[in-house]
Amino acid sequence: MKRSCYIGELGEAHVGRTVTLQGWATRRRDLGGLIFIELRDRSGTVQVEVEPDSPAFAGADAVRSEYVLEVEGRFRLRPEAQRKGGLGDYEVMASRVAVLNAAKTPPFELDKGDAVAEDIRLKYRYLDLRRAEMQRNLILRSKAVAAVTRFLDGEGFLQVETPMLTKSTPEGARDFLVPSRLNPGEFYALPQSPQLFKQLLMISGIDRYYQLARCFRDEDLRADRQPDFTQLDMEMSFVTQEDVLELQERLLSAVFRDVLGVELALPFPRLSYREAMDRYGSDKPDLRFGSSFVDVTDLFRAGAFQAFAEAGAVKVLAAPELTRRQIDELERVAKQNGARGLAWLRRAGDGFTGGISKFVQEQAAALIGRTGVQEGGTLLFAAGEWKRAVTALGAVRLALRDLFDLAAGGPPFHVSWVLDFPQLEFDEASGAWTYMHHPFTAPHPDDVSLFGTPGQGEMRAQAYDLVLNGFEVGGGSIRIHDPEVQEKMFAAIGFTPEQAAEKFGFFLDALAYGTPPHGGIAWGFDRLVMVMAGAASIREVIAFPKNNRGADLMAQAPSPVEDAQLAEVGVAVRDSGAV
């Protein structure tokens, strides 16, 4: 029999009518001859009551948790004293209960899913996805996809799919390789992003492109990373950086409005990379709360405290009163992020006690004036080479946020842009220059002449990151469209012409056939939905994710394959312990 509607669609208009519902039994209760069943589908849960003399009683008596049911009955208001609001005000008086399929006892209680070990939830993901929280997350994700599609279609974008099997190219992470049976000894790579293909689409005259692209990166995993993930990819021709930023602001605002009913304030605040690092120690700062750094390098430059006097930068962060145990934990965080230690002071009247107080007597008044630290409050210092100092103190800032829930008092969502990233950064491990984003990012027009000079480390890129609540949810740039500039970029990162041709010859050839100015951006779609849903991990907004070791516990992947399959593609497996 066809169901009347989803459970969540039931309401006042259905009272007194006979309805047919289909779903799962969350639980069954027997009370004095009456049977009560909580019936659930993806939209909601409603109580079903079965009386002893009802023709539905025999069917209801057989029901157990997670049985699949079809229920027919009269929809009615519950007695006033039993109403709980929403669907809790109503119930179905069953005239028929049919078991469409029985179920084994689940390995965990679905209504206690958050307390269940994640590996168990992932092993039985098809059961975990029945939980209301998971269904809400996937519904939110689906609505976000629909909102993106509506907006971009209205802006003249074309949805174009790009290849999943492509050439291995250096893009900053390890590729997943796929052996070619028809070309023994040669490999495809799964795409880390559609970067080259979307630029080729601009050369092709497509003008405005987008896709929800599947991407693959063989890298270490975190709560906001997966080896295979979804990227909202966009590219536009004949645009400036300002054009891209303005359209992205309107797009993100439309998504939040359509999906969450939240209005984002426009335009989004903008920070340069240098400012973000200097004030917050991160190129993706969480701006839902303050706690910016104060530079006090000058206060100690000629002082007797040698550790600060000789430092490239001395930054201080004002914090609430901290116990010694809390300070020790924050120092551990600072050391994990490159600092040698974490100096501290506690304000007492017009001076300081504890920590390095004996070294700052002359600077006490200035420190209080600059930082505004309150009585009993703590000052936390990082000193040393500028980037290392600010990065370490940035990690401490986030630890303080979590310790005192500092973001709770601010807006639920804060979006900002970080701009003017360095075009190149020096890699101490290799002793060479490398790109900060990717090698197709255009430098600021005023800085092109710095290629190949001692000052090339000061080059600014026309690159931009979209930051939401301390997460980078989007990143893009204006691209290099001049073949000569692209050659200079490759030379700056140590590629010989022959190496550039080997890796990117097809792309370099294409640039020479009339390439329009163009730029774009990619959103980390899983990460965006995670923040919108208030989830702690992107695994909570992906239907079938890998765990934090990159394994699919449900499908048991990765797994060995038969020798015959390996032989067919010309691959031999070497013992990892072999020399």
Protein backbone atom coordinates (compact mmCIF):
# COMPACT_ATOMS: atom_id res chain seq x y z
CA MET A 1 0.00 0.00 0.00
CA LYS A 2 1.22 3.49 -0.78
CA ARG A 3 2.09 5.60 2.24
CA SER A 4 0.10 8.76 2.82
CA CYS A 5 3.11 10.96 3.55
CA TYR A 6 6.35 11.14 5.51
CA ILE A 7 5.90 11.20 9.28
CA GLY A 8 7.36 14.69 9.52
CA GLU A 9 4.63 16.01 7.20
CA LEU A 10 1.83 15.00 9.58
CA GLY A 11 0.03 17.82 11.34
CA GLU A 12 -3.28 19.41 12.24
CA ALA A 13 -4.68 18.88 8.74
CA HIS A 14 -4.40 15.10 9.15
CA VAL A 15 -6.29 14.84 12.47
CA GLY A 16 -9.21 12.45 12.16
CA ARG A 17 -7.93 10.96 8.90
CA THR A 18 -6.70 7.44 8.24
CA VAL A 19 -3.04 7.45 7.29
CA THR A 20 -0.61 4.83 6.07
CA LEU A 21 2.98 5.21 7.27
CA GLN A 22 6.15 3.23 6.63
CA GLY A 23 9.37 3.16 8.57
CA TRP A 24 11.35 1.56 11.39
CA ALA A 25 10.36 0.70 14.94
CA THR A 26 12.60 2.67 17.29
CA ARG A 27 11.16 0.78 20.25
CA ARG A 28 8.06 -1.11 21.42
CA ARG A 29 6.49 -0.88 24.88
CA ASP A 30 3.74 -3.03 26.45
CA LEU A 31 1.65 -1.20 29.05
CA GLY A 32 -1.31 -2.94 30.59
CA GLY A 33 -2.33 -4.71 27.41
CA LEU A 34 -1.70 -1.66 25.25
CA ILE A 35 1.24 -1.71 22.83
CA PHE A 36 3.06 1.51 21.97
CA ILE A 37 5.46 1.69 19.03
CA GLU A 38 7.69 4.60 18.14
CA LEU A 39 7.65 4.63 14.33
CA ARG A 40 10.46 6.50 12.59
CA ASP A 41 11.32 7.54 9.08
CA ARG A 42 13.91 10.06 7.86
CA SER A 43 11.59 12.99 8.59
CA GLY A 44 10.52 12.28 12.18
CA THR A 45 9.01 9.95 14.78
CA VAL A 46 5.40 9.41 15.85
CA GLN A 47 3.81 7.25 18.53
CA VAL A 48 1.60 4.38 17.39
CA GLU A 49 -0.95 3.00 19.89
CA VAL A 50 -2.38 -0.50 19.49
CA GLU A 51 -5.33 -1.64 21.65
CA PRO A 52 -5.75 -5.29 22.73
CA ASP A 53 -8.89 -5.80 20.64
CA SER A 54 -7.43 -4.15 17.54
CA PRO A 55 -6.84 -6.28 14.42
CA ALA A 56 -3.36 -4.73 14.48
CA PHE A 57 -2.49 -6.29 17.86
CA ALA A 58 -1.02 -9.56 16.56
CA GLY A 59 1.24 -7.73 14.13
CA ALA A 60 2.32 -5.22 16.78
CA ASP A 61 3.05 -7.98 19.29
CA ALA A 62 5.70 -9.38 16.92
CA VAL A 63 7.52 -6.07 16.53
CA ARG A 64 11.03 -5.59 17.86
CA SER A 65 13.55 -2.75 17.63
CA GLU A 66 14.46 -1.77 14.03
CA TYR A 67 11.79 -3.93 12.38
CA VAL A 68 10.54 -2.40 9.14
CA LEU A 69 6.82 -1.67 9.43
CA GLU A 70 3.80 -0.44 7.56
CA VAL A 71 1.18 1.06 9.86
CA GLU A 72 -2.35 2.10 9.04
CA GLY A 73 -4.53 3.95 11.50
CA ARG A 74 -6.34 7.08 12.54
CA PHE A 75 -4.25 10.15 13.26
CA ARG A 76 -5.39 11.98 16.39
CA LEU A 77 -4.41 14.42 19.10
CA ARG A 78 -3.04 12.86 22.27
CA PRO A 79 -4.72 13.68 25.60
CA GLU A 80 -3.71 17.21 26.60
CA ALA A 81 -1.67 16.11 29.61
CA GLN A 82 0.45 13.83 27.37
CA ARG A 83 1.30 16.36 24.66
CA LYS A 84 4.99 17.15 24.22
CA GLY A 85 4.97 19.65 21.37
CA GLY A 86 5.36 19.08 17.65
CA LEU A 87 4.64 15.50 16.61
CA GLY A 88 4.59 14.67 20.31
CA ASP A 89 1.10 16.19 20.39
CA TYR A 90 -0.23 13.44 18.13
CA GLU A 91 -0.42 9.67 17.80
CA VAL A 92 -1.69 7.05 15.38
CA MET A 93 -4.44 4.69 16.56
CA ALA A 94 -3.43 1.59 14.59
CA SER A 95 -5.87 -0.58 12.72
CA ARG A 96 -3.12 -2.53 10.93
CA VAL A 97 0.54 -3.21 11.66
CA ALA A 98 2.44 -5.18 9.02
CA VAL A 99 6.02 -6.33 9.48
CA LEU A 100 7.68 -5.73 6.13
CA ASN A 101 10.99 -7.11 7.37
CA ALA A 102 12.44 -8.32 10.64
CA ALA A 103 15.81 -7.15 11.99
CA LYS A 104 18.59 -8.62 14.07
CA THR A 105 19.29 -6.92 17.38
CA PRO A 106 21.53 -3.93 16.49
CA PRO A 107 25.12 -4.04 17.81
CA PHE A 108 24.57 -0.69 19.56
CA GLU A 109 21.61 1.37 20.73
CA LEU A 110 20.92 3.88 18.01
CA ASP A 111 19.67 6.57 20.39
CA LYS A 112 23.04 6.39 22.20
CA GLY A 113 25.11 6.67 19.05
CA ASP A 114 27.21 9.61 20.24
CA ALA A 115 28.46 7.51 23.16
CA VAL A 116 29.41 4.55 20.95
CA ALA A 117 33.01 4.10 19.82
CA GLU A 118 33.43 5.61 16.36
CA ASP A 119 34.96 2.47 14.88
CA ILE A 120 31.80 0.52 15.83
CA ARG A 121 29.63 3.21 14.28
CA LEU A 122 31.69 3.13 11.07
CA LYS A 123 31.67 -0.67 10.88
CA TYR A 124 27.86 -0.60 10.97
CA ARG A 125 27.51 2.71 9.15
CA TYR A 126 24.19 1.72 7.55
CA LEU A 127 22.76 1.55 11.08
CA ASP A 128 24.54 4.67 12.29
CA LEU A 129 22.98 6.59 9.40
CA ARG A 130 19.51 5.78 10.77
CA ARG A 131 20.17 8.09 13.71
CA ALA A 132 18.31 11.39 13.58
CA GLU A 133 21.53 13.41 13.91
CA MET A 134 23.12 11.71 10.91
CA GLN A 135 19.98 12.03 8.81
CA ARG A 136 19.79 15.74 9.63
CA ASN A 137 23.40 16.18 8.54
CA LEU A 138 22.84 14.45 5.20
CA ILE A 139 19.63 16.41 4.60
CA LEU A 140 21.52 19.64 5.34
CA ARG A 141 24.24 18.57 2.91
CA SER A 142 21.70 17.82 0.19
CA LYS A 143 20.05 21.20 0.69
CA ALA A 144 23.45 22.91 0.44
CA VAL A 145 24.11 21.17 -2.89
CA ALA A 146 20.71 22.32 -4.17
CA ALA A 147 21.35 25.91 -3.03
CA VAL A 148 24.74 25.98 -4.76
CA THR A 149 23.28 24.58 -7.98
CA ARG A 150 20.42 27.10 -8.04
CA PHE A 151 22.74 30.04 -7.47
CA LEU A 152 25.44 29.10 -9.96
CA ASP A 153 22.92 28.15 -12.63
CA GLY A 154 21.39 31.60 -12.20
CA GLU A 155 24.84 33.18 -12.61
CA GLY A 156 25.49 31.48 -15.94
CA PHE A 157 27.84 28.71 -14.77
CA LEU A 158 28.03 25.41 -16.66
CA GLN A 159 28.40 22.15 -14.76
CA VAL A 160 31.21 20.18 -16.42
CA GLU A 161 32.75 16.89 -15.27
CA THR A 162 36.51 16.43 -15.46
CA PRO A 163 38.48 13.12 -15.58
CA MET A 164 38.98 10.87 -12.59
CA LEU A 165 41.97 9.13 -14.20
CA THR A 166 44.70 11.59 -15.06
CA LYS A 167 48.45 12.28 -14.96
CA SER A 168 50.45 12.39 -11.75
CA THR A 169 51.59 15.98 -11.15
CA PRO A 170 53.13 17.65 -8.10
CA GLU A 171 50.37 19.47 -6.24
CA GLY A 172 51.57 19.33 -2.64
CA ALA A 173 50.31 15.91 -1.50
CA ARG A 174 50.91 12.31 -2.54
CA ASP A 175 48.84 10.95 -5.40
CA PHE A 176 46.78 7.79 -5.33
CA LEU A 177 48.13 5.79 -8.28
CA VAL A 178 46.15 3.45 -10.54
CA PRO A 179 48.09 0.97 -12.71
CA SER A 180 47.20 0.83 -16.40
CA ARG A 181 46.57 -2.70 -17.72
CA LEU A 182 46.87 -1.57 -21.32
CA ASN A 183 50.12 0.31 -20.69
CA PRO A 184 52.25 -1.95 -18.46
CA GLY A 185 54.50 -0.10 -16.04
CA GLU A 186 52.54 3.14 -16.40
CA PHE A 187 50.06 4.68 -13.99
CA TYR A 188 47.15 7.03 -13.83
CA ALA A 189 46.69 9.26 -10.79
CA LEU A 190 43.40 10.05 -9.12
CA PRO A 191 43.01 13.86 -9.17
CA GLN A 192 44.00 15.90 -6.13
CA SER A 193 41.88 18.62 -7.71
CA PRO A 194 40.59 19.47 -11.21
CA GLN A 195 43.01 22.43 -11.34
CA LEU A 196 44.53 21.99 -14.79
CA PHE A 197 41.31 20.81 -16.39
CA LYS A 198 39.29 23.76 -15.16
CA GLN A 199 41.93 26.13 -16.51
CA LEU A 200 41.80 24.26 -19.82
CA LEU A 201 38.05 24.82 -19.82
CA MET A 202 38.69 28.55 -19.61
CA ILE A 203 41.08 28.26 -22.57
CA SER A 204 38.27 26.35 -24.32
CA GLY A 205 35.89 29.30 -23.96
CA ILE A 206 33.53 27.71 -21.40
CA ASP A 207 33.87 31.00 -19.46
CA ARG A 208 32.09 29.93 -16.24
CA TYR A 209 32.46 26.38 -14.91
CA TYR A 210 31.63 24.49 -11.73
CA GLN A 211 31.35 20.96 -10.43
CA LEU A 212 31.11 19.09 -7.16
CA ALA A 213 34.35 17.24 -7.79
CA ARG A 214 35.63 14.13 -6.09
CA CYS A 215 39.28 14.62 -5.13
CA PHE A 216 41.91 12.29 -3.69
CA ARG A 217 44.98 13.02 -1.57
CA ASP A 218 47.18 10.47 0.12
CA GLU A 219 48.01 12.51 3.19
CA ASP A 220 47.88 12.21 6.97
CA LEU A 221 44.33 12.44 8.28
CA ARG A 222 42.71 14.81 10.76
CA ALA A 223 39.16 15.51 11.89
CA ASP A 224 38.65 17.79 8.87
CA ARG A 225 40.38 15.60 6.24
CA GLN A 226 39.57 12.46 4.26
CA PRO A 227 41.61 10.64 1.59
CA ASP A 228 38.65 11.07 -0.79
CA PHE A 229 36.59 14.20 -0.43
CA THR A 230 34.24 16.56 -2.24
CA GLN A 231 35.28 19.94 -3.54
CA LEU A 232 32.99 22.62 -4.94
CA ASP A 233 35.13 23.75 -7.84
CA MET A 234 34.59 26.99 -9.78
CA GLU A 235 36.46 28.93 -12.46
CA MET A 236 35.66 32.17 -14.32
CA SER A 237 37.18 33.97 -17.30
CA PHE A 238 37.71 37.72 -17.72
CA VAL A 239 37.57 38.40 -13.98
CA THR A 240 39.63 40.23 -11.40
CA GLN A 241 40.21 39.09 -7.84
CA GLU A 242 37.49 41.48 -6.71
CA ASP A 243 34.98 39.86 -9.08
CA VAL A 244 35.68 36.42 -7.63
CA LEU A 245 35.41 37.57 -4.01
CA GLU A 246 32.15 39.42 -4.60
CA LEU A 247 30.48 36.44 -6.28
CA GLN A 248 31.68 34.04 -3.57
CA GLU A 249 30.23 36.26 -0.87
CA ARG A 250 26.85 36.24 -2.57
CA LEU A 251 27.02 32.47 -3.09
CA LEU A 252 27.90 31.64 0.52
CA SER A 253 25.25 34.05 1.77
CA ALA A 254 22.65 32.34 -0.43
CA VAL A 255 23.64 28.90 0.89
CA PHE A 256 23.35 30.00 4.55
CA ARG A 257 20.06 31.76 3.87
CA ASP A 258 18.47 28.86 1.99
CA VAL A 259 19.74 26.05 4.20
CA LEU A 260 19.92 27.53 7.72
CA GLY A 261 17.85 30.71 7.47
CA VAL A 262 20.96 32.63 8.58
CA GLU A 263 21.89 36.00 7.11
CA LEU A 264 25.62 36.59 6.79
CA ALA A 265 26.81 40.18 7.04
CA LEU A 266 28.30 41.46 3.78
CA PRO A 267 30.96 42.22 2.79
CA PHE A 268 33.15 39.74 4.65
CA PRO A 269 36.08 41.24 6.60
CA ARG A 270 39.47 41.01 4.89
CA LEU A 271 42.90 40.46 6.39
CA SER A 272 46.23 40.13 4.67
CA TYR A 273 48.21 36.97 5.31
CA ARG A 274 50.76 39.00 7.25
CA GLU A 275 48.09 40.62 9.41
CA ALA A 276 46.34 37.33 10.13
CA MET A 277 49.58 35.68 11.19
CA ASP A 278 50.84 38.71 13.12
CA ARG A 279 47.63 39.18 15.13
CA TYR A 280 46.25 35.64 15.42
CA GLY A 281 49.08 33.25 14.55
CA SER A 282 47.05 31.56 11.83
CA ASP A 283 46.22 32.06 8.16
CA LYS A 284 42.72 30.79 9.00
CA PRO A 285 41.95 32.73 12.19
CA ASP A 286 38.82 32.07 14.23
CA LEU A 287 37.38 35.58 14.55
CA ARG A 288 34.32 34.67 16.61
CA PHE A 289 36.33 35.96 19.57
CA GLY A 290 39.06 38.56 20.08
CA SER A 291 42.28 37.74 21.90
CA SER A 292 44.62 39.14 19.30
CA PHE A 293 48.36 39.36 19.95
CA VAL A 294 50.22 42.46 21.06
CA ASP A 295 53.70 43.08 19.69
CA VAL A 296 56.10 44.00 22.48
CA THR A 297 59.36 43.37 20.64
CA ASP A 298 60.38 47.00 21.09
CA LEU A 299 59.91 46.91 24.87
CA PHE A 300 62.64 44.32 25.25
CA ARG A 301 64.99 45.20 22.40
CA ALA A 302 67.56 46.96 24.60
CA GLY A 303 66.68 45.17 27.82
CA ALA A 304 68.62 42.84 30.04
CA PHE A 305 66.34 39.84 29.38
CA GLN A 306 68.50 38.27 26.70
CA ALA A 307 65.97 35.66 25.52
CA PHE A 308 63.61 38.49 24.50
CA ALA A 309 66.20 41.09 23.55
CA GLU A 310 67.69 38.87 20.85
CA ALA A 311 64.38 37.49 19.55
CA GLY A 312 63.17 38.37 16.09
CA ALA A 313 59.68 38.92 17.52
CA VAL A 314 58.12 38.98 20.97
CA LYS A 315 54.34 38.52 21.02
CA VAL A 316 52.06 38.51 24.04
CA LEU A 317 48.51 37.24 24.54
CA ALA A 318 46.30 38.37 27.44
CA ALA A 319 44.39 35.52 29.09
CA PRO A 320 42.13 35.04 32.12
CA GLU A 321 43.59 33.83 35.39
CA LEU A 322 45.28 30.48 34.85
CA THR A 323 46.34 27.75 37.21
CA ARG A 324 49.88 26.45 36.99
CA ARG A 325 48.55 23.20 35.61
CA GLN A 326 46.74 25.08 32.84
CA ILE A 327 49.89 27.05 32.05
CA ASP A 328 51.88 23.81 31.80
CA GLU A 329 49.33 22.41 29.34
CA LEU A 330 49.46 25.57 27.24
CA GLU A 331 53.25 25.40 27.24
CA ARG A 332 52.98 21.84 25.92
CA VAL A 333 50.80 23.15 23.08
CA ALA A 334 53.33 25.90 22.29
CA LYS A 335 56.21 23.42 22.16
CA GLN A 336 54.24 21.09 19.90
CA ASN A 337 53.95 24.01 17.50
CA GLY A 338 57.61 24.94 17.36
CA ALA A 339 58.21 27.15 20.42
CA ARG A 340 61.02 26.49 22.87
CA GLY A 341 58.73 27.39 25.73
CA LEU A 342 55.91 29.67 26.87
CA ALA A 343 56.87 32.53 29.16
CA TRP A 344 54.14 33.91 31.44
CA LEU A 345 53.22 36.56 34.01
CA ARG A 346 50.32 37.03 36.41
CA ARG A 347 49.16 40.60 37.08
CA ALA A 348 49.21 41.70 40.71
CA GLY A 349 48.32 45.36 41.19
CA ASP A 350 50.65 47.55 39.13
CA GLY A 351 53.12 44.75 38.53
CA PHE A 352 53.45 41.04 37.93
CA THR A 353 54.26 37.87 39.81
CA GLY A 354 55.35 34.40 38.73
CA GLY A 355 57.01 33.23 35.56
CA ILE A 356 59.43 35.82 34.17
CA SER A 357 58.30 38.62 36.52
CA LYS A 358 61.84 39.37 37.76
CA PHE A 359 62.86 40.27 34.18
CA VAL A 360 60.03 42.71 33.37
CA GLN A 361 59.96 45.21 36.20
CA GLU A 362 60.90 48.09 33.89
CA GLN A 363 58.31 47.08 31.28
CA ALA A 364 55.42 46.32 33.70
CA ALA A 365 53.48 49.56 33.19
CA ALA A 366 53.83 49.40 29.42
CA LEU A 367 52.73 45.77 29.33
CA ILE A 368 49.62 46.53 31.37
CA GLY A 369 48.82 49.52 29.19
CA ARG A 370 49.26 47.75 25.87
CA THR A 371 47.55 44.48 26.74
CA GLY A 372 44.80 45.64 29.11
CA VAL A 373 45.38 42.52 31.21
CA GLN A 374 43.05 42.44 34.20
CA GLU A 375 43.96 41.96 37.86
CA GLY A 376 44.85 38.30 38.35
CA GLY A 377 44.96 37.78 34.60
CA THR A 378 47.81 36.08 32.76
CA LEU A 379 50.12 37.24 30.00
CA LEU A 380 51.51 34.52 27.72
CA PHE A 381 54.61 35.24 25.60
CA ALA A 382 56.16 33.65 22.53
CA ALA A 383 59.57 34.87 21.38
CA GLY A 384 61.90 33.91 18.57
CA GLU A 385 61.84 33.87 14.77
CA TRP A 386 58.65 35.69 13.71
CA LYS A 387 56.74 32.89 12.00
CA ARG A 388 57.62 30.29 14.59
CA ALA A 389 56.66 32.61 17.45
CA VAL A 390 53.28 33.66 16.04
CA THR A 391 52.39 30.13 14.96
CA ALA A 392 53.05 28.74 18.43
CA LEU A 393 51.10 31.51 20.13
CA GLY A 394 48.29 31.01 17.62
CA ALA A 395 47.94 27.41 18.77
CA VAL A 396 47.87 28.63 22.39
CA ARG A 397 45.11 31.10 21.45
CA LEU A 398 42.95 28.26 20.12
CA ALA A 399 43.66 26.15 23.21
CA LEU A 400 42.46 29.08 25.36
CA ARG A 401 39.33 29.29 23.20
CA ASP A 402 38.53 25.67 23.93
CA LEU A 403 39.49 25.93 27.61
CA PHE A 404 37.22 28.92 28.34
CA ASP A 405 34.69 28.50 25.50
CA LEU A 406 35.64 31.96 24.30
CA ALA A 407 33.80 31.62 20.97
CA ALA A 408 30.46 31.04 22.72
CA GLY A 409 29.87 34.75 23.26
CA GLY A 410 30.35 35.70 19.62
CA PRO A 411 28.31 35.10 16.47
CA PRO A 412 27.64 31.43 15.59
CA PHE A 413 29.30 31.95 12.20
CA HIS A 414 32.08 34.34 11.26
CA VAL A 415 33.37 34.47 7.70
CA SER A 416 36.45 36.36 6.54
CA TRP A 417 38.91 36.54 3.68
CA VAL A 418 42.67 36.15 4.01
CA LEU A 419 44.50 37.76 1.07
CA ASP A 420 47.98 38.60 -0.22
CA PHE A 421 49.66 35.30 0.53
CA PRO A 422 53.33 35.00 -0.37
CA GLN A 423 53.82 33.77 -3.92
CA LEU A 424 56.82 31.69 -2.86
CA GLU A 425 58.15 30.33 0.42
CA PHE A 426 61.55 28.92 1.19
CA ASP A 427 61.60 25.25 2.12
CA GLU A 428 64.43 24.77 4.61
CA ALA A 429 64.33 20.99 4.23
CA SER A 430 65.06 21.08 0.49
CA GLY A 431 66.92 24.40 0.48
CA ALA A 432 64.78 25.63 -2.42
CA TRP A 433 61.86 27.90 -3.14
CA THR A 434 58.43 26.38 -3.52
CA TYR A 435 54.90 27.62 -4.16
CA MET A 436 52.59 28.37 -1.25
CA HIS A 437 49.35 27.45 -3.04
CA HIS A 438 50.12 25.89 -6.44
CA PRO A 439 52.39 26.82 -9.35
CA PHE A 440 49.57 28.30 -11.46
CA THR A 441 48.78 31.16 -9.06
CA ALA A 442 49.36 34.60 -10.56
CA PRO A 443 51.63 37.01 -8.69
CA HIS A 444 50.50 40.53 -7.92
CA PRO A 445 51.07 42.54 -11.13
CA ASP A 446 53.43 44.92 -9.31
CA ASP A 447 55.62 42.02 -8.14
CA VAL A 448 56.21 40.06 -11.36
CA SER A 449 59.61 41.70 -11.80
CA LEU A 450 60.80 40.07 -8.55
CA PHE A 451 60.99 36.60 -10.13
CA GLY A 452 64.58 35.38 -10.04
CA THR A 453 65.81 38.22 -7.79
CA PRO A 454 66.96 38.19 -4.14
CA GLY A 455 63.62 39.81 -3.27
CA GLN A 456 61.40 37.13 -4.76
CA GLY A 457 60.46 35.98 -1.26
CA GLU A 458 58.51 39.25 -0.90
CA MET A 459 56.29 38.55 -3.91
CA ARG A 460 52.57 38.71 -3.21
CA ALA A 461 50.23 36.20 -4.80
CA GLN A 462 46.77 36.99 -6.09
CA ALA A 463 45.53 34.24 -3.79
CA TYR A 464 42.67 34.23 -1.31
CA ASP A 465 41.29 31.90 1.33
CA LEU A 466 37.73 31.84 2.64
CA VAL A 467 37.74 31.27 6.41
CA LEU A 468 34.73 30.18 8.49
CA ASN A 469 34.98 29.81 12.27
CA GLY A 470 38.69 29.11 12.07
CA PHE A 471 38.44 26.60 9.20
CA GLU A 472 39.68 27.22 5.69
CA VAL A 473 36.55 26.35 3.70
CA GLY A 474 37.71 27.76 0.39
CA GLY A 475 40.88 28.70 -1.43
CA GLY A 476 41.63 30.09 -4.83
CA SER A 477 43.53 32.56 -6.91
CA ILE A 478 43.78 34.49 -10.11
CA ARG A 479 45.70 32.19 -12.45
CA ILE A 480 48.73 32.80 -14.62
CA HIS A 481 47.51 33.21 -18.19
CA ASP A 482 50.73 34.49 -19.78
CA PRO A 483 53.05 31.63 -20.90
CA GLU A 484 56.15 33.71 -20.16
CA VAL A 485 55.05 34.35 -16.56
CA GLN A 486 54.26 30.65 -16.16
CA GLU A 487 57.76 29.78 -17.32
CA LYS A 488 59.22 32.23 -14.77
CA MET A 489 57.16 30.62 -12.04
CA PHE A 490 58.40 27.15 -12.93
CA ALA A 491 61.99 28.41 -13.02
CA ALA A 492 61.58 30.03 -9.59
CA ILE A 493 60.64 26.68 -8.02
CA GLY A 494 63.57 24.91 -9.67
CA PHE A 495 61.95 23.30 -12.72
CA THR A 496 64.14 23.13 -15.79
CA PRO A 497 62.32 23.71 -19.09
CA GLU A 498 62.58 19.98 -19.71
CA GLN A 499 61.03 19.10 -16.33
CA ALA A 500 58.22 21.60 -16.83
CA ALA A 501 57.51 20.15 -20.28
CA GLU A 502 57.52 16.59 -18.91
CA LYS A 503 55.05 17.39 -16.13
CA PHE A 504 52.89 20.05 -17.73
CA GLY A 505 53.72 20.09 -21.44
CA PHE A 506 50.09 19.75 -22.59
CA PHE A 507 49.08 22.65 -20.36
CA LEU A 508 51.95 24.90 -21.43
CA ASP A 509 51.07 24.20 -25.06
CA ALA A 510 47.45 25.17 -24.37
CA LEU A 511 48.46 28.48 -22.73
CA ALA A 512 50.03 29.56 -26.01
CA TYR A 513 46.71 29.35 -27.92
CA GLY A 514 45.00 32.45 -26.55
CA THR A 515 44.29 32.12 -22.82
CA PRO A 516 41.91 34.64 -21.24
CA PRO A 517 42.59 36.15 -17.82
CA HIS A 518 40.83 33.85 -15.38
CA GLY A 519 40.55 32.86 -11.75
CA GLY A 520 38.61 30.64 -9.47
CA ILE A 521 38.20 28.97 -6.14
CA ALA A 522 37.48 25.59 -4.59
CA TRP A 523 35.42 25.06 -1.47
CA GLY A 524 36.11 22.17 0.85
CA PHE A 525 32.49 21.12 0.71
CA ASP A 526 32.66 18.48 3.45
CA ARG A 527 34.34 20.95 5.77
CA LEU A 528 31.77 23.67 5.03
CA VAL A 529 28.86 21.34 5.77
CA MET A 530 30.62 20.18 8.95
CA VAL A 531 30.72 23.74 10.28
CA MET A 532 27.15 24.48 9.19
CA ALA A 533 25.93 21.33 10.94
CA GLY A 534 27.91 22.03 14.12
CA ALA A 535 29.61 18.65 13.77
CA ALA A 536 32.97 17.83 15.31
CA SER A 537 34.35 15.97 12.28
CA ILE A 538 33.73 15.80 8.54
CA ARG A 539 33.07 12.09 9.08
CA GLU A 540 29.74 13.19 10.59
CA VAL A 541 28.59 14.76 7.30
CA ILE A 542 29.87 12.11 4.85
CA ALA A 543 27.68 9.07 4.29
CA PHE A 544 30.46 6.48 4.13
CA PRO A 545 33.75 7.97 5.37
CA LYS A 546 37.09 6.41 6.19
CA ASN A 547 38.26 6.38 9.80
CA ASN A 548 41.27 8.33 11.09
CA ARG A 549 43.57 5.62 9.73
CA GLY A 550 42.14 5.88 6.21
CA ALA A 551 40.23 2.59 6.48
CA ASP A 552 36.64 1.79 5.51
CA LEU A 553 35.70 -0.55 8.36
CA MET A 554 32.36 -1.43 6.82
CA ALA A 555 33.58 -2.45 3.34
CA GLN A 556 36.98 -3.52 4.75
CA ALA A 557 39.00 -1.36 2.40
CA PRO A 558 41.85 -1.14 1.63
CA SER A 559 42.35 -4.89 1.24
CA PRO A 560 44.70 -7.31 -0.53
CA VAL A 561 43.89 -8.37 -4.08
CA GLU A 562 44.56 -11.66 -5.81
CA ASP A 563 47.92 -12.28 -7.43
CA ALA A 564 46.19 -12.72 -10.79
CA GLN A 565 44.83 -9.19 -10.60
CA LEU A 566 48.28 -7.81 -9.80
CA ALA A 567 49.87 -9.76 -12.61
CA GLU A 568 47.30 -8.45 -15.08
CA VAL A 569 48.36 -4.85 -14.39
CA GLY A 570 52.05 -5.68 -14.12
CA VAL A 571 52.39 -4.89 -10.41
CA ALA A 572 54.35 -6.84 -7.82
CA VAL A 573 53.93 -6.29 -4.09
CA ARG A 574 57.13 -6.01 -2.09
CA ASP A 575 57.23 -6.82 1.62
CA SER A 576 57.29 -3.47 3.43
CA GLY A 577 60.06 -4.81 5.63
CA ALA A 578 62.27 -5.75 2.70
CA VAL A 579 65.38 -3.72 1.98
